Amino acid sequence: MGVRTKTPGGASEQLRHELHAARIREPRALSGKSWTGALLLALAAALSCQSGEVKKSEQAAPAAPATADKKSTPTATAPAPTPPPMPGALPAPADVAAPPANAERTSTGLASVVLTPGSGGDKPTLRDQVKVHYSGWTKDGRMFDSSVARGEPTEFGVTQVIKGWTEGLQLMTKGEKRRFWIPAELAYGETPKRPGAPSGQLTFDVELLDIVKPPPPPEVPKDVAAAPASAKKTASGLKYQVLSPGTGKVHPSPQNRVKVHYSGWTTDGKMFDSSVTRGRPATFGVTQVIPGWVEGLQLMVQGEKMRFWIPAALAYGEKPASAGAPAGPLVFDVELIEIL
């Protein structure tokens, strides 16, 4: 997503994808290749799948300050205790520690076995959303997450998960149940950055319940390279044009939250993020986005659709500090659905 710069105190509806304790979602520049997660990290909170360990977070707990004591004797640090299994833990598969000889193996090291064949012919693509049931164990048989135990399936984008999941999901068909042995380098690593994330090789049982195809991407604006002469310009350098008038009369204030649909392009016409292609609007605070959005949203009324040409200084800059964020001036089509 390329608009959000602050993380709200709670997960946003759009990012219902923070799968529980260490979550199934992995924001790789919010998915890996697209910045579908900076725009509205709100969206990285809206896909916050109330699931668990499959999401990979980059936040680490701050280290406690060290205190010097010349008289004290250095002592060995006690190893961190192994977390207890989650409530309602399911028994681990007999082959949880290592894949059997008949397992399929890919060039990356991912191993899998089909437990129940699927009924469909299509397989998920990188642009798809999926609905799944899953359970995950460490090599020693400790279950760290399970949508089955919670009694509710999880939905997320194919690219919004750890690498082993992204690869594995594309091997499956609808209705299929498969067991995956995911090496550490395709999961959270041997030493996860996020406290509580499972380390080393992980084993998952995954049932693909549904594949949700996204809407087609919007067309690239013909004036994406530069704003037309008819566009209005603010003192900050933001340019905008009304595409469809709204029905409301009130403008959002900095204290409001808003629900919007949007698509964003670089000036060479490359789309880097779109709530439209995800099939669900984004919800976030007016001040939780890049400066060009903060200013632009307050020019709009409910129901209105605007195009913004945002200079680099009001976006992520010419050399973004965040990996994967789009550089330079950006163009957005924004529809203000509701002021909350």
C-alpha atoms as a PDB file:
ATOM      1  CA  MET A   1       0.000   0.000   0.000  1.00  0.00           C
ATOM      2  CA  GLY A   2       1.909   3.132  -0.389  1.00  0.00           C
ATOM      3  CA  VAL A   3       0.189   5.687   1.751  1.00  0.00           C
ATOM      4  CA  ARG A   4       0.405   4.960   5.390  1.00  0.00           C
ATOM      5  CA  THR A   5       3.255   6.263   7.486  1.00  0.00           C
ATOM      6  CA  LYS A   6       2.036   5.600  11.011  1.00  0.00           C
ATOM      7  CA  THR A   7       0.675   2.444  12.556  1.00  0.00           C
ATOM      8  CA  PRO A   8      -2.536   2.944  14.505  1.00  0.00           C
ATOM      9  CA  GLY A   9      -2.885   1.660  18.008  1.00  0.00           C
ATOM     10  CA  GLY A  10      -5.148  -1.153  16.799  1.00  0.00           C
ATOM     11  CA  ALA A  11      -5.281  -3.176  13.625  1.00  0.00           C
ATOM     12  CA  SER A  12      -7.288  -1.563  10.848  1.00  0.00           C
ATOM     13  CA  GLU A  13     -10.238  -3.398   9.383  1.00  0.00           C
ATOM     14  CA  GLN A  14      -8.503  -3.689   6.070  1.00  0.00           C
ATOM     15  CA  LEU A  15      -5.586  -5.399   7.504  1.00  0.00           C
ATOM     16  CA  ARG A  16      -7.393  -8.095   9.325  1.00  0.00           C
ATOM     17  CA  HIS A  17      -4.361 -10.080   8.353  1.00  0.00           C
ATOM     18  CA  GLU A  18      -2.203 -10.073  11.379  1.00  0.00           C
ATOM     19  CA  LEU A  19      -2.642 -13.685  11.967  1.00  0.00           C
ATOM     20  CA  HIS A  20      -2.590 -13.883  15.836  1.00  0.00           C
ATOM     21  CA  ALA A  21       0.653 -14.485  17.700  1.00  0.00           C
ATOM     22  CA  ALA A  22       3.232 -14.432  14.946  1.00  0.00           C
ATOM     23  CA  ARG A  23       0.877 -14.220  12.029  1.00  0.00           C
ATOM     24  CA  ILE A  24       0.548 -15.748   8.607  1.00  0.00           C
ATOM     25  CA  ARG A  25       1.101 -12.547   6.914  1.00  0.00           C
ATOM     26  CA  GLU A  26       4.440 -11.287   5.852  1.00  0.00           C
ATOM     27  CA  PRO A  27       4.650  -7.673   4.764  1.00  0.00           C
ATOM     28  CA  ARG A  28       7.371  -7.826   2.174  1.00  0.00           C
ATOM     29  CA  ALA A  29       7.403  -4.188   1.389  1.00  0.00           C
ATOM     30  CA  LEU A  30       4.120  -5.112   2.119  1.00  0.00           C
ATOM     31  CA  SER A  31       4.097  -8.303   0.298  1.00  0.00           C
ATOM     32  CA  GLY A  32       7.310  -8.488  -1.467  1.00  0.00           C
ATOM     33  CA  LYS A  33       7.026  -6.753  -4.727  1.00  0.00           C
ATOM     34  CA  SER A  34       4.364  -4.161  -4.300  1.00  0.00           C
ATOM     35  CA  TRP A  35       4.216  -1.462  -1.721  1.00  0.00           C
ATOM     36  CA  THR A  36       0.778  -2.704  -0.841  1.00  0.00           C
ATOM     37  CA  GLY A  37       1.332  -2.034   2.678  1.00  0.00           C
ATOM     38  CA  ALA A  38       2.960   1.294   3.142  1.00  0.00           C
ATOM     39  CA  LEU A  39       0.163   3.215   1.524  1.00  0.00           C
ATOM     40  CA  LEU A  40      -2.075   2.232   4.282  1.00  0.00           C
ATOM     41  CA  LEU A  41      -0.101   0.181   6.600  1.00  0.00           C
ATOM     42  CA  ALA A  42      -3.634   0.385   7.618  1.00  0.00           C
ATOM     43  CA  LEU A  43      -4.033  -2.242   5.042  1.00  0.00           C
ATOM     44  CA  ALA A  44      -1.370  -4.215   6.566  1.00  0.00           C
ATOM     45  CA  ALA A  45      -3.519  -4.036   9.558  1.00  0.00           C
ATOM     46  CA  ALA A  46      -6.713  -4.652   7.682  1.00  0.00           C
ATOM     47  CA  LEU A  47      -5.541  -7.938   6.392  1.00  0.00           C
ATOM     48  CA  SER A  48      -4.581  -8.671   9.907  1.00  0.00           C
ATOM     49  CA  CYS A  49      -6.035 -12.039   9.729  1.00  0.00           C
ATOM     50  CA  GLN A  50      -6.840 -12.675  13.380  1.00  0.00           C
ATOM     51  CA  SER A  51      -4.783 -15.801  12.743  1.00  0.00           C
ATOM     52  CA  GLY A  52      -1.460 -16.568  14.126  1.00  0.00           C
ATOM     53  CA  GLU A  53       2.168 -17.290  13.571  1.00  0.00           C
ATOM     54  CA  VAL A  54       2.229 -17.029   9.853  1.00  0.00           C
ATOM     55  CA  LYS A  55       2.600 -13.293   9.636  1.00  0.00           C
ATOM     56  CA  LYS A  56       6.098 -11.943   9.825  1.00  0.00           C
ATOM     57  CA  SER A  57       6.589  -8.664  11.689  1.00  0.00           C
ATOM     58  CA  GLU A  58       9.760  -6.622  11.624  1.00  0.00           C
ATOM     59  CA  GLN A  59       9.290  -4.921  14.992  1.00  0.00           C
ATOM     60  CA  ALA A  60      11.676  -5.978  17.712  1.00  0.00           C
ATOM     61  CA  ALA A  61      11.275  -5.217  21.395  1.00  0.00           C
ATOM     62  CA  PRO A  62      13.632  -2.468  22.578  1.00  0.00           C
ATOM     63  CA  ALA A  63      16.611  -3.767  24.480  1.00  0.00           C
ATOM     64  CA  ALA A  64      16.793  -2.952  28.163  1.00  0.00           C
ATOM     65  CA  PRO A  65      19.607  -0.546  29.048  1.00  0.00           C
ATOM     66  CA  ALA A  66      22.682  -2.238  30.457  1.00  0.00           C
ATOM     67  CA  THR A  67      23.942  -1.177  33.875  1.00  0.00           C
ATOM     68  CA  ALA A  68      27.606  -1.229  34.775  1.00  0.00           C
ATOM     69  CA  ASP A  69      28.651  -2.791  38.036  1.00  0.00           C
ATOM     70  CA  LYS A  70      32.355  -3.340  38.547  1.00  0.00           C
ATOM     71  CA  LYS A  71      31.759  -5.561  41.562  1.00  0.00           C
ATOM     72  CA  SER A  72      29.269  -7.833  39.905  1.00  0.00           C
ATOM     73  CA  THR A  73      30.362 -11.132  38.442  1.00  0.00           C
ATOM     74  CA  PRO A  74      29.279 -11.905  34.879  1.00  0.00           C
ATOM     75  CA  THR A  75      26.687 -14.636  34.804  1.00  0.00           C
ATOM     76  CA  ALA A  76      25.471 -16.758  31.941  1.00  0.00           C
ATOM     77  CA  THR A  77      22.157 -15.720  30.429  1.00  0.00           C
ATOM     78  CA  ALA A  78      19.498 -18.344  30.982  1.00  0.00           C
ATOM     79  CA  PRO A  79      17.927 -19.626  27.757  1.00  0.00           C
ATOM     80  CA  ALA A  80      14.451 -18.342  27.043  1.00  0.00           C
ATOM     81  CA  PRO A  81      11.802 -20.845  28.138  1.00  0.00           C
ATOM     82  CA  THR A  82       9.926 -22.667  25.410  1.00  0.00           C
ATOM     83  CA  PRO A  83       6.459 -21.105  24.993  1.00  0.00           C
ATOM     84  CA  PRO A  84       3.625 -23.404  26.053  1.00  0.00           C
ATOM     85  CA  PRO A  85       1.394 -24.803  23.311  1.00  0.00           C
ATOM     86  CA  MET A  86      -1.636 -22.706  22.481  1.00  0.00           C
ATOM     87  CA  PRO A  87      -4.994 -23.637  24.034  1.00  0.00           C
ATOM     88  CA  GLY A  88      -6.789 -26.392  22.156  1.00  0.00           C
ATOM     89  CA  ALA A  89      -3.553 -27.517  20.505  1.00  0.00           C
ATOM     90  CA  LEU A  90      -3.976 -30.272  17.947  1.00  0.00           C
ATOM     91  CA  PRO A  91      -1.669 -33.299  18.026  1.00  0.00           C
ATOM     92  CA  ALA A  92       1.346 -32.983  15.751  1.00  0.00           C
ATOM     93  CA  PRO A  93       1.597 -35.168  12.635  1.00  0.00           C
ATOM     94  CA  ALA A  94       3.759 -38.269  13.041  1.00  0.00           C
ATOM     95  CA  ASP A  95       6.119 -36.901  10.369  1.00  0.00           C
ATOM     96  CA  VAL A  96       6.289 -33.372  11.808  1.00  0.00           C
ATOM     97  CA  ALA A  97      10.091 -33.456  12.197  1.00  0.00           C
ATOM     98  CA  ALA A  98      10.956 -34.255   8.580  1.00  0.00           C
ATOM     99  CA  PRO A  99       9.164 -34.855   5.261  1.00  0.00           C
ATOM    100  CA  PRO A 100       8.739 -38.477   4.170  1.00  0.00           C
ATOM    101  CA  ALA A 101      10.568 -39.942   1.185  1.00  0.00           C
ATOM    102  CA  ASN A 102       7.511 -39.554  -1.067  1.00  0.00           C
ATOM    103  CA  ALA A 103       7.176 -35.794  -0.445  1.00  0.00           C
ATOM    104  CA  GLU A 104       7.315 -33.430  -3.425  1.00  0.00           C
ATOM    105  CA  ARG A 105      10.255 -31.033  -3.265  1.00  0.00           C
ATOM    106  CA  THR A 106      10.780 -27.739  -5.055  1.00  0.00           C
ATOM    107  CA  SER A 107      14.072 -26.106  -5.976  1.00  0.00           C
ATOM    108  CA  THR A 108      13.797 -23.770  -2.948  1.00  0.00           C
ATOM    109  CA  GLY A 109      13.678 -26.658  -0.481  1.00  0.00           C
ATOM    110  CA  LEU A 110       9.918 -26.585   0.168  1.00  0.00           C
ATOM    111  CA  ALA A 111       8.537 -30.094   0.684  1.00  0.00           C
ATOM    112  CA  SER A 112       4.881 -31.122   0.597  1.00  0.00           C
ATOM    113  CA  VAL A 113       2.487 -34.060   0.531  1.00  0.00           C
ATOM    114  CA  VAL A 114      -1.129 -33.957  -0.650  1.00  0.00           C
ATOM    115  CA  LEU A 115      -3.358 -35.198   2.163  1.00  0.00           C
ATOM    116  CA  THR A 116      -6.686 -34.747   0.358  1.00  0.00           C
ATOM    117  CA  PRO A 117      -6.970 -34.004  -3.392  1.00  0.00           C
ATOM    118  CA  GLY A 118      -8.815 -30.874  -4.452  1.00  0.00           C
ATOM    119  CA  SER A 119     -11.913 -30.650  -6.590  1.00  0.00           C
ATOM    120  CA  GLY A 120     -10.947 -27.576  -8.602  1.00  0.00           C
ATOM    121  CA  GLY A 121      -8.585 -27.111 -11.519  1.00  0.00           C
ATOM    122  CA  ASP A 122      -7.387 -23.556 -10.959  1.00  0.00           C
ATOM    123  CA  LYS A 123      -4.489 -22.702  -8.698  1.00  0.00           C
ATOM    124  CA  PRO A 124      -3.989 -19.384  -6.873  1.00  0.00           C
ATOM    125  CA  THR A 125      -1.857 -16.732  -8.551  1.00  0.00           C
ATOM    126  CA  LEU A 126       0.180 -13.985  -6.917  1.00  0.00           C
ATOM    127  CA  ARG A 127      -2.712 -11.531  -7.363  1.00  0.00           C
ATOM    128  CA  ASP A 128      -5.321 -13.743  -5.700  1.00  0.00           C
ATOM    129  CA  GLN A 129      -6.765 -13.819  -2.215  1.00  0.00           C
ATOM    130  CA  VAL A 130      -7.292 -17.195  -0.566  1.00  0.00           C
ATOM    131  CA  LYS A 131      -9.442 -18.583   2.222  1.00  0.00           C
ATOM    132  CA  VAL A 132      -7.791 -21.369   4.201  1.00  0.00           C
ATOM    133  CA  HIS A 133      -7.823 -23.483   7.317  1.00  0.00           C
ATOM    134  CA  TYR A 134      -4.386 -24.317   8.669  1.00  0.00           C
ATOM    135  CA  SER A 135      -2.384 -25.535  11.661  1.00  0.00           C
ATOM    136  CA  GLY A 136       1.334 -25.037  12.246  1.00  0.00           C
ATOM    137  CA  TRP A 137       3.931 -26.908  14.328  1.00  0.00           C
ATOM    138  CA  THR A 138       7.626 -26.589  15.081  1.00  0.00           C
ATOM    139  CA  LYS A 139       9.891 -29.612  14.449  1.00  0.00           C
ATOM    140  CA  ASP A 140       9.500 -30.763  18.041  1.00  0.00           C
ATOM    141  CA  GLY A 141       5.729 -31.005  17.611  1.00  0.00           C
ATOM    142  CA  ARG A 142       4.662 -27.818  19.405  1.00  0.00           C
ATOM    143  CA  MET A 143       1.618 -26.253  17.748  1.00  0.00           C
ATOM    144  CA  PHE A 144       2.051 -22.485  17.603  1.00  0.00           C
ATOM    145  CA  ASP A 145      -0.985 -21.491  15.537  1.00  0.00           C
ATOM    146  CA  SER A 146      -4.186 -22.941  14.122  1.00  0.00           C
ATOM    147  CA  SER A 147      -7.281 -21.492  12.488  1.00  0.00           C
ATOM    148  CA  VAL A 148      -8.830 -24.928  13.036  1.00  0.00           C
ATOM    149  CA  ALA A 149      -8.403 -24.606  16.804  1.00  0.00           C
ATOM    150  CA  ARG A 150      -9.915 -21.112  16.646  1.00  0.00           C
ATOM    151  CA  GLY A 151     -12.834 -22.423  14.608  1.00  0.00           C
ATOM    152  CA  GLU A 152     -12.575 -19.728  11.946  1.00  0.00           C
ATOM    153  CA  PRO A 153     -10.811 -19.841   8.547  1.00  0.00           C
ATOM    154  CA  THR A 154      -8.361 -17.123   7.516  1.00  0.00           C
ATOM    155  CA  GLU A 155      -8.311 -14.933   4.386  1.00  0.00           C
ATOM    156  CA  PHE A 156      -5.300 -13.107   2.961  1.00  0.00           C
ATOM    157  CA  GLY A 157      -3.402 -12.369  -0.230  1.00  0.00           C
ATOM    158  CA  VAL A 158      -1.063 -14.988  -1.683  1.00  0.00           C
ATOM    159  CA  THR A 159       1.855 -12.566  -1.392  1.00  0.00           C
ATOM    160  CA  GLN A 160       0.988 -11.465   2.124  1.00  0.00           C
ATOM    161  CA  VAL A 161       2.512 -14.485   3.828  1.00  0.00           C
ATOM    162  CA  ILE A 162       5.915 -16.015   4.469  1.00  0.00           C
ATOM    163  CA  LYS A 163       7.783 -17.176   1.371  1.00  0.00           C
ATOM    164  CA  GLY A 164       7.069 -20.860   1.938  1.00  0.00           C
ATOM    165  CA  TRP A 165       3.342 -20.150   2.007  1.00  0.00           C
ATOM    166  CA  THR A 166       3.418 -17.988  -1.114  1.00  0.00           C
ATOM    167  CA  GLU A 167       5.145 -20.773  -3.021  1.00  0.00           C
ATOM    168  CA  GLY A 168       3.079 -23.567  -1.510  1.00  0.00           C
ATOM    169  CA  LEU A 169      -0.326 -22.001  -2.076  1.00  0.00           C
ATOM    170  CA  GLN A 170       0.369 -21.826  -5.810  1.00  0.00           C
ATOM    171  CA  LEU A 171       0.765 -25.626  -5.872  1.00  0.00           C
ATOM    172  CA  MET A 172      -2.750 -26.213  -4.521  1.00  0.00           C
ATOM    173  CA  THR A 173      -6.236 -26.421  -6.008  1.00  0.00           C
ATOM    174  CA  LYS A 174      -9.516 -25.535  -4.342  1.00  0.00           C
ATOM    175  CA  GLY A 175     -10.593 -28.147  -1.803  1.00  0.00           C
ATOM    176  CA  GLU A 176      -7.102 -29.596  -1.495  1.00  0.00           C
ATOM    177  CA  LYS A 177      -5.451 -30.284   1.831  1.00  0.00           C
ATOM    178  CA  ARG A 178      -1.660 -30.400   1.854  1.00  0.00           C
ATOM    179  CA  ARG A 179       1.124 -30.724   4.412  1.00  0.00           C
ATOM    180  CA  PHE A 180       4.148 -28.452   4.009  1.00  0.00           C
ATOM    181  CA  TRP A 181       7.605 -28.680   5.537  1.00  0.00           C
ATOM    182  CA  ILE A 182       8.961 -25.151   5.242  1.00  0.00           C
ATOM    183  CA  PRO A 183      12.705 -24.594   5.758  1.00  0.00           C
ATOM    184  CA  ALA A 184      13.731 -21.772   8.085  1.00  0.00           C
ATOM    185  CA  GLU A 185      14.863 -19.519   5.245  1.00  0.00           C
ATOM    186  CA  LEU A 186      11.354 -19.636   3.747  1.00  0.00           C
ATOM    187  CA  ALA A 187       9.709 -19.007   7.137  1.00  0.00           C
ATOM    188  CA  TYR A 188      10.973 -16.762   9.981  1.00  0.00           C
ATOM    189  CA  GLY A 189      14.578 -17.899  10.016  1.00  0.00           C
ATOM    190  CA  GLU A 190      16.628 -19.654  12.676  1.00  0.00           C
ATOM    191  CA  THR A 191      16.607 -16.496  14.818  1.00  0.00           C
ATOM    192  CA  PRO A 192      13.329 -14.604  14.190  1.00  0.00           C
ATOM    193  CA  LYS A 193      13.387 -10.828  14.554  1.00  0.00           C
ATOM    194  CA  ARG A 194       9.917 -10.796  16.032  1.00  0.00           C
ATOM    195  CA  PRO A 195       9.705 -11.995  19.646  1.00  0.00           C
ATOM    196  CA  GLY A 196       7.481 -15.050  19.814  1.00  0.00           C
ATOM    197  CA  ALA A 197       7.730 -16.031  16.140  1.00  0.00           C
ATOM    198  CA  PRO A 198       8.561 -19.716  15.661  1.00  0.00           C
ATOM    199  CA  SER A 199      12.120 -20.496  14.594  1.00  0.00           C
ATOM    200  CA  GLY A 200      13.643 -23.092  12.325  1.00  0.00           C
ATOM    201  CA  GLN A 201      11.791 -25.470  10.042  1.00  0.00           C
ATOM    202  CA  LEU A 202       7.994 -25.318  10.342  1.00  0.00           C
ATOM    203  CA  THR A 203       5.306 -27.806   9.372  1.00  0.00           C
ATOM    204  CA  PHE A 204       1.838 -26.740   8.258  1.00  0.00           C
ATOM    205  CA  ASP A 205      -1.348 -28.546   7.317  1.00  0.00           C
ATOM    206  CA  VAL A 206      -3.234 -26.255   4.916  1.00  0.00           C
ATOM    207  CA  GLU A 207      -6.705 -26.687   3.436  1.00  0.00           C
ATOM    208  CA  LEU A 208      -7.499 -24.363   0.522  1.00  0.00           C
ATOM    209  CA  LEU A 209     -11.175 -23.519   0.948  1.00  0.00           C
ATOM    210  CA  ASP A 210     -11.538 -20.860  -1.744  1.00  0.00           C
ATOM    211  CA  ILE A 211      -9.660 -18.742  -4.281  1.00  0.00           C
ATOM    212  CA  VAL A 212     -10.886 -15.153  -4.658  1.00  0.00           C
ATOM    213  CA  LYS A 213      -9.952 -13.486  -7.938  1.00  0.00           C
ATOM    214  CA  PRO A 214      -9.337  -9.721  -7.678  1.00  0.00           C
ATOM    215  CA  PRO A 215     -11.057  -7.184  -9.928  1.00  0.00           C
ATOM    216  CA  PRO A 216      -9.042  -6.102 -12.979  1.00  0.00           C
ATOM    217  CA  PRO A 217      -6.627  -3.235 -12.292  1.00  0.00           C
ATOM    218  CA  PRO A 218      -7.803   0.270 -13.218  1.00  0.00           C
ATOM    219  CA  GLU A 219      -6.437   1.846 -16.378  1.00  0.00           C
ATOM    220  CA  VAL A 220      -3.366   4.023 -16.087  1.00  0.00           C
ATOM    221  CA  PRO A 221      -4.425   7.710 -16.208  1.00  0.00           C
ATOM    222  CA  LYS A 222      -3.520   9.375 -19.496  1.00  0.00           C
ATOM    223  CA  ASP A 223      -2.165  12.339 -17.555  1.00  0.00           C
ATOM    224  CA  VAL A 224      -0.111  10.211 -15.144  1.00  0.00           C
ATOM    225  CA  ALA A 225       3.186  11.835 -16.192  1.00  0.00           C
ATOM    226  CA  ALA A 226       2.096  15.382 -15.366  1.00  0.00           C
ATOM    227  CA  ALA A 227      -0.975  17.237 -14.145  1.00  0.00           C
ATOM    228  CA  PRO A 228      -2.989  19.011 -16.846  1.00  0.00           C
ATOM    229  CA  ALA A 229      -3.257  22.787 -16.939  1.00  0.00           C
ATOM    230  CA  SER A 230      -6.808  22.521 -15.589  1.00  0.00           C
ATOM    231  CA  ALA A 231      -5.634  20.900 -12.330  1.00  0.00           C
ATOM    232  CA  LYS A 232      -5.737  23.028  -9.190  1.00  0.00           C
ATOM    233  CA  LYS A 233      -2.605  23.572  -7.118  1.00  0.00           C
ATOM    234  CA  THR A 234      -2.174  24.238  -3.408  1.00  0.00           C
ATOM    235  CA  ALA A 235       0.581  26.262  -1.747  1.00  0.00           C
ATOM    236  CA  SER A 236       2.431  23.053  -0.853  1.00  0.00           C
ATOM    237  CA  GLY A 237       2.678  21.966  -4.478  1.00  0.00           C
ATOM    238  CA  LEU A 238      -0.106  19.366  -4.367  1.00  0.00           C
ATOM    239  CA  LYS A 239      -2.128  19.276  -7.581  1.00  0.00           C
ATOM    240  CA  TYR A 240      -5.596  17.795  -7.860  1.00  0.00           C
ATOM    241  CA  GLN A 241      -8.619  17.443 -10.100  1.00  0.00           C
ATOM    242  CA  VAL A 242     -12.177  16.320  -9.352  1.00  0.00           C
ATOM    243  CA  LEU A 243     -13.076  13.213 -11.356  1.00  0.00           C
ATOM    244  CA  SER A 244     -16.560  12.702  -9.882  1.00  0.00           C
ATOM    245  CA  PRO A 245     -18.361  15.174  -7.590  1.00  0.00           C
ATOM    246  CA  GLY A 246     -19.434  13.989  -4.155  1.00  0.00           C
ATOM    247  CA  THR A 247     -22.777  14.150  -2.396  1.00  0.00           C
ATOM    248  CA  GLY A 248     -21.519  15.398   0.968  1.00  0.00           C
ATOM    249  CA  LYS A 249     -20.741  18.902   2.191  1.00  0.00           C
ATOM    250  CA  VAL A 250     -18.420  18.172   5.104  1.00  0.00           C
ATOM    251  CA  HIS A 251     -14.655  17.736   4.677  1.00  0.00           C
ATOM    252  CA  PRO A 252     -12.654  15.289   6.793  1.00  0.00           C
ATOM    253  CA  SER A 253     -10.697  16.839   9.668  1.00  0.00           C
ATOM    254  CA  PRO A 254      -7.361  15.581  11.039  1.00  0.00           C
ATOM    255  CA  GLN A 255      -9.321  13.893  13.831  1.00  0.00           C
ATOM    256  CA  ASN A 256     -11.446  11.811  11.448  1.00  0.00           C
ATOM    257  CA  ARG A 257     -10.977   8.338  10.057  1.00  0.00           C
ATOM    258  CA  VAL A 258     -11.956   7.708   6.449  1.00  0.00           C
ATOM    259  CA  LYS A 259     -12.928   4.804   4.241  1.00  0.00           C
ATOM    260  CA  VAL A 260     -11.550   5.060   0.714  1.00  0.00           C
ATOM    261  CA  HIS A 261     -10.841   3.224  -2.495  1.00  0.00           C
ATOM    262  CA  TYR A 262      -7.629   4.259  -4.195  1.00  0.00           C
ATOM    263  CA  SER A 263      -5.007   3.341  -6.796  1.00  0.00           C
ATOM    264  CA  GLY A 264      -1.490   4.725  -7.020  1.00  0.00           C
ATOM    265  CA  TRP A 265       1.013   5.020  -9.870  1.00  0.00           C
ATOM    266  CA  THR A 266       4.504   6.330 -10.385  1.00  0.00           C
ATOM    267  CA  THR A 267       4.760   8.929 -13.148  1.00  0.00           C
ATOM    268  CA  ASP A 268       5.964   6.292 -15.628  1.00  0.00           C
ATOM    269  CA  GLY A 269       2.560   4.565 -15.298  1.00  0.00           C
ATOM    270  CA  LYS A 270       3.542   1.711 -12.995  1.00  0.00           C
ATOM    271  CA  MET A 271       0.799   0.909 -10.490  1.00  0.00           C
ATOM    272  CA  PHE A 272       2.319   0.136  -7.080  1.00  0.00           C
ATOM    273  CA  ASP A 273      -0.820  -0.213  -4.989  1.00  0.00           C
ATOM    274  CA  SER A 274      -4.593  -0.397  -5.294  1.00  0.00           C
ATOM    275  CA  SER A 275      -7.429  -1.158  -2.899  1.00  0.00           C
ATOM    276  CA  VAL A 276      -9.557  -1.643  -6.028  1.00  0.00           C
ATOM    277  CA  THR A 277      -7.617  -4.713  -7.129  1.00  0.00           C
ATOM    278  CA  ARG A 278      -7.816  -6.096  -3.590  1.00  0.00           C
ATOM    279  CA  GLY A 279     -11.576  -5.785  -3.774  1.00  0.00           C
ATOM    280  CA  ARG A 280     -11.966  -4.003  -0.445  1.00  0.00           C
ATOM    281  CA  PRO A 281     -11.696  -0.349   0.618  1.00  0.00           C
ATOM    282  CA  ALA A 282      -9.119   0.881   3.110  1.00  0.00           C
ATOM    283  CA  THR A 283      -9.898   2.544   6.438  1.00  0.00           C
ATOM    284  CA  PHE A 284      -7.408   4.704   8.349  1.00  0.00           C
ATOM    285  CA  GLY A 285      -6.928   7.996  10.153  1.00  0.00           C
ATOM    286  CA  VAL A 286      -6.530  11.168   8.116  1.00  0.00           C
ATOM    287  CA  THR A 287      -3.137  11.842   9.711  1.00  0.00           C
ATOM    288  CA  GLN A 288      -1.883   8.270   9.330  1.00  0.00           C
ATOM    289  CA  VAL A 289      -0.821   8.730   5.730  1.00  0.00           C
ATOM    290  CA  ILE A 290       1.791  10.601   3.696  1.00  0.00           C
ATOM    291  CA  PRO A 291       1.552  14.433   3.798  1.00  0.00           C
ATOM    292  CA  GLY A 292       0.075  14.673   0.293  1.00  0.00           C
ATOM    293  CA  TRP A 293      -2.788  12.430   1.362  1.00  0.00           C
ATOM    294  CA  VAL A 294      -3.331  14.268   4.647  1.00  0.00           C
ATOM    295  CA  GLU A 295      -3.758  17.523   2.717  1.00  0.00           C
ATOM    296  CA  GLY A 296      -5.716  16.026  -0.163  1.00  0.00           C
ATOM    297  CA  LEU A 297      -8.254  14.147   1.942  1.00  0.00           C
ATOM    298  CA  GLN A 298      -9.278  17.385   3.639  1.00  0.00           C
ATOM    299  CA  LEU A 299     -10.169  18.866   0.249  1.00  0.00           C
ATOM    300  CA  MET A 300     -12.706  16.112  -0.441  1.00  0.00           C
ATOM    301  CA  VAL A 301     -16.332  15.447   0.500  1.00  0.00           C
ATOM    302  CA  GLN A 302     -18.066  12.125   0.882  1.00  0.00           C
ATOM    303  CA  GLY A 303     -18.725  10.375  -2.415  1.00  0.00           C
ATOM    304  CA  GLU A 304     -16.165  12.462  -4.304  1.00  0.00           C
ATOM    305  CA  LYS A 305     -13.429  10.990  -6.484  1.00  0.00           C
ATOM    306  CA  MET A 306     -10.246  13.004  -7.042  1.00  0.00           C
ATOM    307  CA  ARG A 307      -6.917  12.561  -8.794  1.00  0.00           C
ATOM    308  CA  PHE A 308      -3.864  13.824  -6.933  1.00  0.00           C
ATOM    309  CA  TRP A 309      -0.414  14.577  -8.307  1.00  0.00           C
ATOM    310  CA  ILE A 310       1.766  14.461  -5.217  1.00  0.00           C
ATOM    311  CA  PRO A 311       5.317  15.829  -5.346  1.00  0.00           C
ATOM    312  CA  ALA A 312       8.082  13.657  -3.893  1.00  0.00           C
ATOM    313  CA  ALA A 313       8.451  15.938  -0.881  1.00  0.00           C
ATOM    314  CA  LEU A 314       4.832  15.189   0.103  1.00  0.00           C
ATOM    315  CA  ALA A 315       5.169  11.435  -0.578  1.00  0.00           C
ATOM    316  CA  TYR A 316       8.171   9.186   0.199  1.00  0.00           C
ATOM    317  CA  GLY A 317      10.859  11.422  -1.262  1.00  0.00           C
ATOM    318  CA  GLU A 318      13.265  10.849  -4.139  1.00  0.00           C
ATOM    319  CA  LYS A 319      15.126   8.235  -2.081  1.00  0.00           C
ATOM    320  CA  PRO A 320      12.614   6.560   0.257  1.00  0.00           C
ATOM    321  CA  ALA A 321      13.911   5.415   3.628  1.00  0.00           C
ATOM    322  CA  SER A 322      11.524   2.456   3.610  1.00  0.00           C
ATOM    323  CA  ALA A 323      12.503  -0.452   1.379  1.00  0.00           C
ATOM    324  CA  GLY A 324      10.025  -0.940  -1.442  1.00  0.00           C
ATOM    325  CA  ALA A 325       8.332   2.455  -1.125  1.00  0.00           C
ATOM    326  CA  PRO A 326       7.757   4.219  -4.466  1.00  0.00           C
ATOM    327  CA  ALA A 327      10.151   7.085  -5.184  1.00  0.00           C
ATOM    328  CA  GLY A 328       9.570  10.489  -6.730  1.00  0.00           C
ATOM    329  CA  PRO A 329       6.251  12.179  -7.508  1.00  0.00           C
ATOM    330  CA  LEU A 330       3.189   9.936  -7.311  1.00  0.00           C
ATOM    331  CA  VAL A 331      -0.308   9.966  -8.787  1.00  0.00           C
ATOM    332  CA  PHE A 332      -3.382   8.690  -6.923  1.00  0.00           C
ATOM    333  CA  ASP A 333      -7.029   8.274  -7.777  1.00  0.00           C
ATOM    334  CA  VAL A 334      -8.959   8.443  -4.499  1.00  0.00           C
ATOM    335  CA  GLU A 335     -12.652   7.883  -3.845  1.00  0.00           C
ATOM    336  CA  LEU A 336     -13.846   9.065  -0.438  1.00  0.00           C
ATOM    337  CA  ILE A 337     -16.484   6.515   0.474  1.00  0.00           C
ATOM    338  CA  GLU A 338     -17.184   7.594   4.025  1.00  0.00           C
ATOM    339  CA  ILE A 339     -15.999   9.949   6.775  1.00  0.00           C
ATOM    340  CA  LEU A 340     -15.954   8.125  10.108  1.00  0.00           C
END
